[in-house]
Amino acid sequence: MKAVITVTGKDTTGIIAKVSTKCSELGGNIVDISQSVMREYFAMMMLVEIDNLTMSFSEFVDEMNRLGDESGLDIHTMHEDIFNTMHKI
């Protein structure tokens, strides 16, 4: 199973490191990543393998939200199945 994680906010040093470290600590494995900086704004989208999480998916979402709150970032974590269903034509 996979999750789609989006991260947006003011660009600062270490955003990718913070988010990827937290994912790894919680048992997630980043399988694809795209990031962009537009002037002072940062945007990133990650596809994360979640089969080996050390907690439930809802707890993982809460932990990623907490990281966003602590870092001044907007972090959204969505199960791949939900993401795919939302974007079907």
PDB file of N, CA and C in Angstrom:
ATOM      1  N   MET A   1       0.845  -1.181   0.000  1.00  0.00           N
ATOM      2  CA  MET A   1       0.000   0.000   0.000  1.00  0.00           C
ATOM      3  C   MET A   1       0.887   1.240   0.000  1.00  0.00           C
ATOM      4  N   LYS A   2       0.307   2.310  -0.532  1.00  0.00           N
ATOM      5  CA  LYS A   2       1.051   3.560  -0.598  1.00  0.00           C
ATOM      6  C   LYS A   2       0.192   4.717  -0.105  1.00  0.00           C
ATOM      7  N   ALA A   3       0.877   5.800   0.222  1.00  0.00           N
ATOM      8  CA  ALA A   3       0.220   7.052   0.591  1.00  0.00           C
ATOM      9  C   ALA A   3       0.813   8.166  -0.258  1.00  0.00           C
ATOM     10  N   VAL A   4       0.009   9.189  -0.506  1.00  0.00           N
ATOM     11  CA  VAL A   4       0.458  10.384  -1.198  1.00  0.00           C
ATOM     12  C   VAL A   4       0.566  11.482  -0.147  1.00  0.00           C
ATOM     13  N   ILE A   5       1.742  12.075  -0.048  1.00  0.00           N
ATOM     14  CA  ILE A   5       1.972  13.144   0.920  1.00  0.00           C
ATOM     15  C   ILE A   5       2.321  14.410   0.156  1.00  0.00           C
ATOM     16  N   THR A   6       1.597  15.495   0.446  1.00  0.00           N
ATOM     17  CA  THR A   6       1.919  16.794  -0.138  1.00  0.00           C
ATOM     18  C   THR A   6       2.378  17.725   0.972  1.00  0.00           C
ATOM     19  N   VAL A   7       3.363  18.542   0.633  1.00  0.00           N
ATOM     20  CA  VAL A   7       3.936  19.484   1.592  1.00  0.00           C
ATOM     21  C   VAL A   7       4.038  20.839   0.906  1.00  0.00           C
ATOM     22  N   THR A   8       3.475  21.865   1.512  1.00  0.00           N
ATOM     23  CA  THR A   8       3.600  23.219   0.985  1.00  0.00           C
ATOM     24  C   THR A   8       3.914  24.181   2.120  1.00  0.00           C
ATOM     25  N   GLY A   9       4.565  25.279   1.774  1.00  0.00           N
ATOM     26  CA  GLY A   9       4.877  26.295   2.767  1.00  0.00           C
ATOM     27  C   GLY A   9       5.975  27.211   2.287  1.00  0.00           C
ATOM     28  N   LYS A  10       6.385  28.099   3.153  1.00  0.00           N
ATOM     29  CA  LYS A  10       7.512  28.983   2.866  1.00  0.00           C
ATOM     30  C   LYS A  10       8.768  28.137   2.797  1.00  0.00           C
ATOM     31  N   ASP A  11       9.608  28.412   1.811  1.00  0.00           N
ATOM     32  CA  ASP A  11      10.826  27.632   1.648  1.00  0.00           C
ATOM     33  C   ASP A  11      11.829  27.947   2.761  1.00  0.00           C
ATOM     34  N   THR A  12      12.321  26.898   3.385  1.00  0.00           N
ATOM     35  CA  THR A  12      13.386  27.010   4.377  1.00  0.00           C
ATOM     36  C   THR A  12      14.329  25.827   4.192  1.00  0.00           C
ATOM     37  N   THR A  13      15.508  25.938   4.709  1.00  0.00           N
ATOM     38  CA  THR A  13      16.478  24.859   4.617  1.00  0.00           C
ATOM     39  C   THR A  13      16.007  23.654   5.418  1.00  0.00           C
ATOM     40  N   GLY A  14      16.103  22.465   4.818  1.00  0.00           N
ATOM     41  CA  GLY A  14      15.867  21.230   5.545  1.00  0.00           C
ATOM     42  C   GLY A  14      14.471  20.647   5.490  1.00  0.00           C
ATOM     43  N   ILE A  15      13.571  21.198   4.667  1.00  0.00           N
ATOM     44  CA  ILE A  15      12.203  20.664   4.631  1.00  0.00           C
ATOM     45  C   ILE A  15      12.201  19.212   4.181  1.00  0.00           C
ATOM     46  N   ILE A  16      12.886  18.921   3.087  1.00  0.00           N
ATOM     47  CA  ILE A  16      12.910  17.550   2.580  1.00  0.00           C
ATOM     48  C   ILE A  16      13.517  16.613   3.622  1.00  0.00           C
ATOM     49  N   ALA A  17      14.565  17.051   4.278  1.00  0.00           N
ATOM     50  CA  ALA A  17      15.211  16.229   5.311  1.00  0.00           C
ATOM     51  C   ALA A  17      14.254  15.946   6.464  1.00  0.00           C
ATOM     52  N   LYS A  18      13.528  16.963   6.930  1.00  0.00           N
ATOM     53  CA  LYS A  18      12.589  16.779   8.041  1.00  0.00           C
ATOM     54  C   LYS A  18      11.505  15.767   7.702  1.00  0.00           C
ATOM     55  N   VAL A  19      10.882  15.955   6.533  1.00  0.00           N
ATOM     56  CA  VAL A  19       9.756  15.111   6.154  1.00  0.00           C
ATOM     57  C   VAL A  19      10.228  13.688   5.862  1.00  0.00           C
ATOM     58  N   SER A  20      11.318  13.541   5.141  1.00  0.00           N
ATOM     59  CA  SER A  20      11.801  12.194   4.818  1.00  0.00           C
ATOM     60  C   SER A  20      12.300  11.466   6.062  1.00  0.00           C
ATOM     61  N   THR A  21      12.924  12.166   6.983  1.00  0.00           N
ATOM     62  CA  THR A  21      13.367  11.547   8.232  1.00  0.00           C
ATOM     63  C   THR A  21      12.175  11.051   9.044  1.00  0.00           C
ATOM     64  N   LYS A  22      11.125  11.879   9.150  1.00  0.00           N
ATOM     65  CA  LYS A  22       9.924  11.475   9.900  1.00  0.00           C
ATOM     66  C   LYS A  22       9.275  10.256   9.253  1.00  0.00           C
ATOM     67  N   CYS A  23       9.167  10.252   7.938  1.00  0.00           N
ATOM     68  CA  CYS A  23       8.598   9.087   7.237  1.00  0.00           C
ATOM     69  C   CYS A  23       9.395   7.829   7.561  1.00  0.00           C
ATOM     70  N   SER A  24      10.698   7.919   7.492  1.00  0.00           N
ATOM     71  CA  SER A  24      11.563   6.772   7.768  1.00  0.00           C
ATOM     72  C   SER A  24      11.427   6.302   9.211  1.00  0.00           C
ATOM     73  N   GLU A  25      11.407   7.225  10.149  1.00  0.00           N
ATOM     74  CA  GLU A  25      11.279   6.875  11.567  1.00  0.00           C
ATOM     75  C   GLU A  25       9.974   6.115  11.841  1.00  0.00           C
ATOM     76  N   LEU A  26       8.932   6.425  11.071  1.00  0.00           N
ATOM     77  CA  LEU A  26       7.621   5.810  11.288  1.00  0.00           C
ATOM     78  C   LEU A  26       7.410   4.559  10.437  1.00  0.00           C
ATOM     79  N   GLY A  27       8.427   4.172   9.662  1.00  0.00           N
ATOM     80  CA  GLY A  27       8.359   2.951   8.865  1.00  0.00           C
ATOM     81  C   GLY A  27       7.949   3.146   7.424  1.00  0.00           C
ATOM     82  N   GLY A  28       7.802   4.383   6.989  1.00  0.00           N
ATOM     83  CA  GLY A  28       7.462   4.666   5.594  1.00  0.00           C
ATOM     84  C   GLY A  28       8.699   4.652   4.720  1.00  0.00           C
ATOM     85  N   ASN A  29       8.521   4.337   3.456  1.00  0.00           N
ATOM     86  CA  ASN A  29       9.621   4.311   2.501  1.00  0.00           C
ATOM     87  C   ASN A  29       9.227   5.141   1.278  1.00  0.00           C
ATOM     88  N   ILE A  30       9.958   6.200   1.005  1.00  0.00           N
ATOM     89  CA  ILE A  30       9.664   7.076  -0.121  1.00  0.00           C
ATOM     90  C   ILE A  30      10.063   6.369  -1.411  1.00  0.00           C
ATOM     91  N   VAL A  31       9.090   6.193  -2.311  1.00  0.00           N
ATOM     92  CA  VAL A  31       9.376   5.528  -3.581  1.00  0.00           C
ATOM     93  C   VAL A  31       9.424   6.508  -4.747  1.00  0.00           C
ATOM     94  N   ASP A  32       8.868   7.702  -4.576  1.00  0.00           N
ATOM     95  CA  ASP A  32       8.952   8.735  -5.606  1.00  0.00           C
ATOM     96  C   ASP A  32       8.763  10.086  -4.928  1.00  0.00           C
ATOM     97  N   ILE A  33       9.447  11.085  -5.458  1.00  0.00           N
ATOM     98  CA  ILE A  33       9.374  12.419  -4.863  1.00  0.00           C
ATOM     99  C   ILE A  33       9.561  13.469  -5.944  1.00  0.00           C
ATOM    100  N   SER A  34       8.800  14.544  -5.822  1.00  0.00           N
ATOM    101  CA  SER A  34       8.941  15.683  -6.714  1.00  0.00           C
ATOM    102  C   SER A  34       8.818  16.935  -5.859  1.00  0.00           C
ATOM    103  N   GLN A  35       9.709  17.880  -6.077  1.00  0.00           N
ATOM    104  CA  GLN A  35       9.633  19.111  -5.305  1.00  0.00           C
ATOM    105  C   GLN A  35       9.956  20.289  -6.198  1.00  0.00           C
ATOM    106  N   SER A  36       9.433  21.430  -5.801  1.00  0.00           N
ATOM    107  CA  SER A  36       9.636  22.645  -6.572  1.00  0.00           C
ATOM    108  C   SER A  36       9.682  23.835  -5.627  1.00  0.00           C
ATOM    109  N   VAL A  37      10.476  24.821  -5.991  1.00  0.00           N
ATOM    110  CA  VAL A  37      10.508  26.072  -5.246  1.00  0.00           C
ATOM    111  C   VAL A  37      10.165  27.180  -6.231  1.00  0.00           C
ATOM    112  N   MET A  38       9.115  27.930  -5.907  1.00  0.00           N
ATOM    113  CA  MET A  38       8.709  29.074  -6.716  1.00  0.00           C
ATOM    114  C   MET A  38       8.874  30.316  -5.858  1.00  0.00           C
ATOM    115  N   ARG A  39       9.900  31.089  -6.194  1.00  0.00           N
ATOM    116  CA  ARG A  39      10.285  32.237  -5.378  1.00  0.00           C
ATOM    117  C   ARG A  39      10.530  31.767  -3.948  1.00  0.00           C
ATOM    118  N   GLU A  40       9.714  32.202  -2.994  1.00  0.00           N
ATOM    119  CA  GLU A  40       9.940  31.791  -1.598  1.00  0.00           C
ATOM    120  C   GLU A  40       9.009  30.667  -1.152  1.00  0.00           C
ATOM    121  N   TYR A  41       8.289  30.061  -2.092  1.00  0.00           N
ATOM    122  CA  TYR A  41       7.318  29.012  -1.740  1.00  0.00           C
ATOM    123  C   TYR A  41       7.811  27.633  -2.146  1.00  0.00           C
ATOM    124  N   PHE A  42       7.611  26.683  -1.257  1.00  0.00           N
ATOM    125  CA  PHE A  42       8.054  25.305  -1.448  1.00  0.00           C
ATOM    126  C   PHE A  42       6.839  24.404  -1.655  1.00  0.00           C
ATOM    127  N   ALA A  43       6.942  23.466  -2.591  1.00  0.00           N
ATOM    128  CA  ALA A  43       5.889  22.469  -2.808  1.00  0.00           C
ATOM    129  C   ALA A  43       6.545  21.121  -3.084  1.00  0.00           C
ATOM    130  N   MET A  44       6.017  20.073  -2.456  1.00  0.00           N
ATOM    131  CA  MET A  44       6.575  18.735  -2.644  1.00  0.00           C
ATOM    132  C   MET A  44       5.441  17.721  -2.641  1.00  0.00           C
ATOM    133  N   MET A  45       5.604  16.697  -3.461  1.00  0.00           N
ATOM    134  CA  MET A  45       4.664  15.578  -3.482  1.00  0.00           C
ATOM    135  C   MET A  45       5.494  14.302  -3.402  1.00  0.00           C
ATOM    136  N   MET A  46       5.083  13.400  -2.507  1.00  0.00           N
ATOM    137  CA  MET A  46       5.810  12.149  -2.320  1.00  0.00           C
ATOM    138  C   MET A  46       4.849  10.978  -2.391  1.00  0.00           C
ATOM    139  N   LEU A  47       5.327   9.886  -2.950  1.00  0.00           N
ATOM    140  CA  LEU A  47       4.614   8.612  -2.913  1.00  0.00           C
ATOM    141  C   LEU A  47       5.386   7.741  -1.930  1.00  0.00           C
ATOM    142  N   VAL A  48       4.701   7.298  -0.885  1.00  0.00           N
ATOM    143  CA  VAL A  48       5.359   6.604   0.222  1.00  0.00           C
ATOM    144  C   VAL A  48       4.761   5.208   0.414  1.00  0.00           C
ATOM    145  N   GLU A  49       5.619   4.209   0.430  1.00  0.00           N
ATOM    146  CA  GLU A  49       5.210   2.836   0.734  1.00  0.00           C
ATOM    147  C   GLU A  49       4.921   2.771   2.232  1.00  0.00           C
ATOM    148  N   ILE A  50       3.726   2.257   2.606  1.00  0.00           N
ATOM    149  CA  ILE A  50       3.318   2.286   4.017  1.00  0.00           C
ATOM    150  C   ILE A  50       3.081   0.893   4.604  1.00  0.00           C
ATOM    151  N   ASP A  51       3.524  -0.154   3.919  1.00  0.00           N
ATOM    152  CA  ASP A  51       3.300  -1.519   4.415  1.00  0.00           C
ATOM    153  C   ASP A  51       4.008  -1.805   5.736  1.00  0.00           C
ATOM    154  N   ASN A  52       5.098  -1.098   6.019  1.00  0.00           N
ATOM    155  CA  ASN A  52       5.885  -1.393   7.222  1.00  0.00           C
ATOM    156  C   ASN A  52       5.800  -0.290   8.281  1.00  0.00           C
ATOM    157  N   LEU A  53       4.676   0.427   8.312  1.00  0.00           N
ATOM    158  CA  LEU A  53       4.523   1.468   9.332  1.00  0.00           C
ATOM    159  C   LEU A  53       4.600   0.857  10.723  1.00  0.00           C
ATOM    160  N   THR A  54       5.122   1.612  11.658  1.00  0.00           N
ATOM    161  CA  THR A  54       5.235   1.162  13.049  1.00  0.00           C
ATOM    162  C   THR A  54       3.992   1.518  13.859  1.00  0.00           C
ATOM    163  N   MET A  55       2.939   1.982  13.172  1.00  0.00           N
ATOM    164  CA  MET A  55       1.699   2.423  13.814  1.00  0.00           C
ATOM    165  C   MET A  55       0.579   2.309  12.806  1.00  0.00           C
ATOM    166  N   SER A  56      -0.640   2.614  13.212  1.00  0.00           N
ATOM    167  CA  SER A  56      -1.758   2.592  12.273  1.00  0.00           C
ATOM    168  C   SER A  56      -1.609   3.745  11.274  1.00  0.00           C
ATOM    169  N   PHE A  57      -2.322   3.638  10.158  1.00  0.00           N
ATOM    170  CA  PHE A  57      -2.254   4.702   9.154  1.00  0.00           C
ATOM    171  C   PHE A  57      -2.766   6.023   9.717  1.00  0.00           C
ATOM    172  N   SER A  58      -3.835   5.982  10.494  1.00  0.00           N
ATOM    173  CA  SER A  58      -4.378   7.232  11.057  1.00  0.00           C
ATOM    174  C   SER A  58      -3.373   7.883  12.018  1.00  0.00           C
ATOM    175  N   GLU A  59      -2.628   7.078  12.761  1.00  0.00           N
ATOM    176  CA  GLU A  59      -1.584   7.633  13.635  1.00  0.00           C
ATOM    177  C   GLU A  59      -0.455   8.236  12.803  1.00  0.00           C
ATOM    178  N   PHE A  60      -0.126   7.592  11.684  1.00  0.00           N
ATOM    179  CA  PHE A  60       0.885   8.118  10.764  1.00  0.00           C
ATOM    180  C   PHE A  60       0.451   9.485  10.245  1.00  0.00           C
ATOM    181  N   VAL A  61      -0.815   9.598   9.840  1.00  0.00           N
ATOM    182  CA  VAL A  61      -1.354  10.874   9.366  1.00  0.00           C
ATOM    183  C   VAL A  61      -1.235  11.928  10.461  1.00  0.00           C
ATOM    184  N   ASP A  62      -1.597  11.576  11.681  1.00  0.00           N
ATOM    185  CA  ASP A  62      -1.508  12.507  12.805  1.00  0.00           C
ATOM    186  C   ASP A  62      -0.073  12.969  13.047  1.00  0.00           C
ATOM    187  N   GLU A  63       0.872  12.041  12.963  1.00  0.00           N
ATOM    188  CA  GLU A  63       2.287  12.390  13.171  1.00  0.00           C
ATOM    189  C   GLU A  63       2.789  13.329  12.080  1.00  0.00           C
ATOM    190  N   MET A  64       2.382  13.085  10.844  1.00  0.00           N
ATOM    191  CA  MET A  64       2.800  13.970   9.751  1.00  0.00           C
ATOM    192  C   MET A  64       2.154  15.346   9.922  1.00  0.00           C
ATOM    193  N   ASN A  65       0.894  15.392  10.347  1.00  0.00           N
ATOM    194  CA  ASN A  65       0.235  16.677  10.630  1.00  0.00           C
ATOM    195  C   ASN A  65       0.964  17.426  11.734  1.00  0.00           C
ATOM    196  N   ARG A  66       1.361  16.706  12.778  1.00  0.00           N
ATOM    197  CA  ARG A  66       2.077  17.319  13.892  1.00  0.00           C
ATOM    198  C   ARG A  66       3.390  17.935  13.410  1.00  0.00           C
ATOM    199  N   LEU A  67       4.104  17.208  12.540  1.00  0.00           N
ATOM    200  CA  LEU A  67       5.351  17.737  11.982  1.00  0.00           C
ATOM    201  C   LEU A  67       5.070  19.029  11.206  1.00  0.00           C
ATOM    202  N   GLY A  68       4.003  19.033  10.426  1.00  0.00           N
ATOM    203  CA  GLY A  68       3.649  20.230   9.683  1.00  0.00           C
ATOM    204  C   GLY A  68       3.365  21.402  10.602  1.00  0.00           C
ATOM    205  N   ASP A  69       2.606  21.166  11.657  1.00  0.00           N
ATOM    206  CA  ASP A  69       2.291  22.225  12.618  1.00  0.00           C
ATOM    207  C   ASP A  69       3.554  22.777  13.273  1.00  0.00           C
ATOM    208  N   GLU A  70       4.457  21.874  13.663  1.00  0.00           N
ATOM    209  CA  GLU A  70       5.703  22.283  14.322  1.00  0.00           C
ATOM    210  C   GLU A  70       6.637  23.032  13.381  1.00  0.00           C
ATOM    211  N   SER A  71       6.533  22.755  12.078  1.00  0.00           N
ATOM    212  CA  SER A  71       7.472  23.304  11.103  1.00  0.00           C
ATOM    213  C   SER A  71       6.891  24.455  10.291  1.00  0.00           C
ATOM    214  N   GLY A  72       5.643  24.818  10.541  1.00  0.00           N
ATOM    215  CA  GLY A  72       5.010  25.876   9.767  1.00  0.00           C
ATOM    216  C   GLY A  72       4.721  25.463   8.330  1.00  0.00           C
ATOM    217  N   LEU A  73       4.451  24.172   8.136  1.00  0.00           N
ATOM    218  CA  LEU A  73       4.164  23.634   6.810  1.00  0.00           C
ATOM    219  C   LEU A  73       2.758  23.066   6.766  1.00  0.00           C
ATOM    220  N   ASP A  74       2.210  22.982   5.574  1.00  0.00           N
ATOM    221  CA  ASP A  74       0.919  22.334   5.364  1.00  0.00           C
ATOM    222  C   ASP A  74       1.227  20.947   4.800  1.00  0.00           C
ATOM    223  N   ILE A  75       1.053  19.907   5.613  1.00  0.00           N
ATOM    224  CA  ILE A  75       1.341  18.536   5.201  1.00  0.00           C
ATOM    225  C   ILE A  75       0.036  17.754   5.178  1.00  0.00           C
ATOM    226  N   HIS A  76      -0.280  17.192   4.007  1.00  0.00           N
ATOM    227  CA  HIS A  76      -1.478  16.359   3.841  1.00  0.00           C
ATOM    228  C   HIS A  76      -1.039  14.956   3.466  1.00  0.00           C
ATOM    229  N   THR A  77      -1.575  13.965   4.164  1.00  0.00           N
ATOM    230  CA  THR A  77      -1.267  12.565   3.898  1.00  0.00           C
ATOM    231  C   THR A  77      -2.566  11.856   3.558  1.00  0.00           C
ATOM    232  N   MET A  78      -2.576  11.219   2.391  1.00  0.00           N
ATOM    233  CA  MET A  78      -3.778  10.563   1.908  1.00  0.00           C
ATOM    234  C   MET A  78      -3.433   9.166   1.407  1.00  0.00           C
ATOM    235  N   HIS A  79      -4.244   8.186   1.781  1.00  0.00           N
ATOM    236  CA  HIS A  79      -4.039   6.827   1.289  1.00  0.00           C
ATOM    237  C   HIS A  79      -4.177   6.840  -0.234  1.00  0.00           C
ATOM    238  N   GLU A  80      -3.337   6.091  -0.914  1.00  0.00           N
ATOM    239  CA  GLU A  80      -3.330   6.060  -2.376  1.00  0.00           C
ATOM    240  C   GLU A  80      -4.700   5.688  -2.950  1.00  0.00           C
ATOM    241  N   ASP A  81      -5.412   4.768  -2.316  1.00  0.00           N
ATOM    242  CA  ASP A  81      -6.726   4.365  -2.814  1.00  0.00           C
ATOM    243  C   ASP A  81      -7.709   5.539  -2.827  1.00  0.00           C
ATOM    244  N   ILE A  82      -7.686   6.349  -1.778  1.00  0.00           N
ATOM    245  CA  ILE A  82      -8.555   7.529  -1.705  1.00  0.00           C
ATOM    246  C   ILE A  82      -8.140   8.533  -2.779  1.00  0.00           C
ATOM    247  N   PHE A  83      -6.843   8.764  -2.890  1.00  0.00           N
ATOM    248  CA  PHE A  83      -6.322   9.702  -3.888  1.00  0.00           C
ATOM    249  C   PHE A  83      -6.763   9.286  -5.287  1.00  0.00           C
ATOM    250  N   ASN A  84      -6.591   8.014  -5.617  1.00  0.00           N
ATOM    251  CA  ASN A  84      -6.969   7.520  -6.939  1.00  0.00           C
ATOM    252  C   ASN A  84      -8.463   7.647  -7.182  1.00  0.00           C
ATOM    253  N   THR A  85      -9.279   7.338  -6.177  1.00  0.00           N
ATOM    254  CA  THR A  85     -10.727   7.442  -6.313  1.00  0.00           C
ATOM    255  C   THR A  85     -11.154   8.888  -6.539  1.00  0.00           C
ATOM    256  N   MET A  86     -10.525   9.807  -5.849  1.00  0.00           N
ATOM    257  CA  MET A  86     -10.865  11.227  -6.000  1.00  0.00           C
ATOM    258  C   MET A  86     -10.533  11.760  -7.385  1.00  0.00           C
ATOM    259  N   HIS A  87      -9.562  11.153  -8.046  1.00  0.00           N
ATOM    260  CA  HIS A  87      -9.090  11.683  -9.321  1.00  0.00           C
ATOM    261  C   HIS A  87      -9.479  10.844 -10.526  1.00  0.00           C
ATOM    262  N   LYS A  88     -10.455   9.962 -10.349  1.00  0.00           N
ATOM    263  CA  LYS A  88     -10.981   9.194 -11.479  1.00  0.00           C
ATOM    264  C   LYS A  88     -11.911  10.086 -12.288  1.00  0.00           C
ATOM    265  N   ILE A  89     -11.861   9.897 -13.561  1.00  0.00           N
ATOM    266  CA  ILE A  89     -12.742  10.669 -14.450  1.00  0.00           C
ATOM    267  C   ILE A  89     -14.061   9.930 -14.609  1.00  0.00           C
TER     268      ILE A  89
END
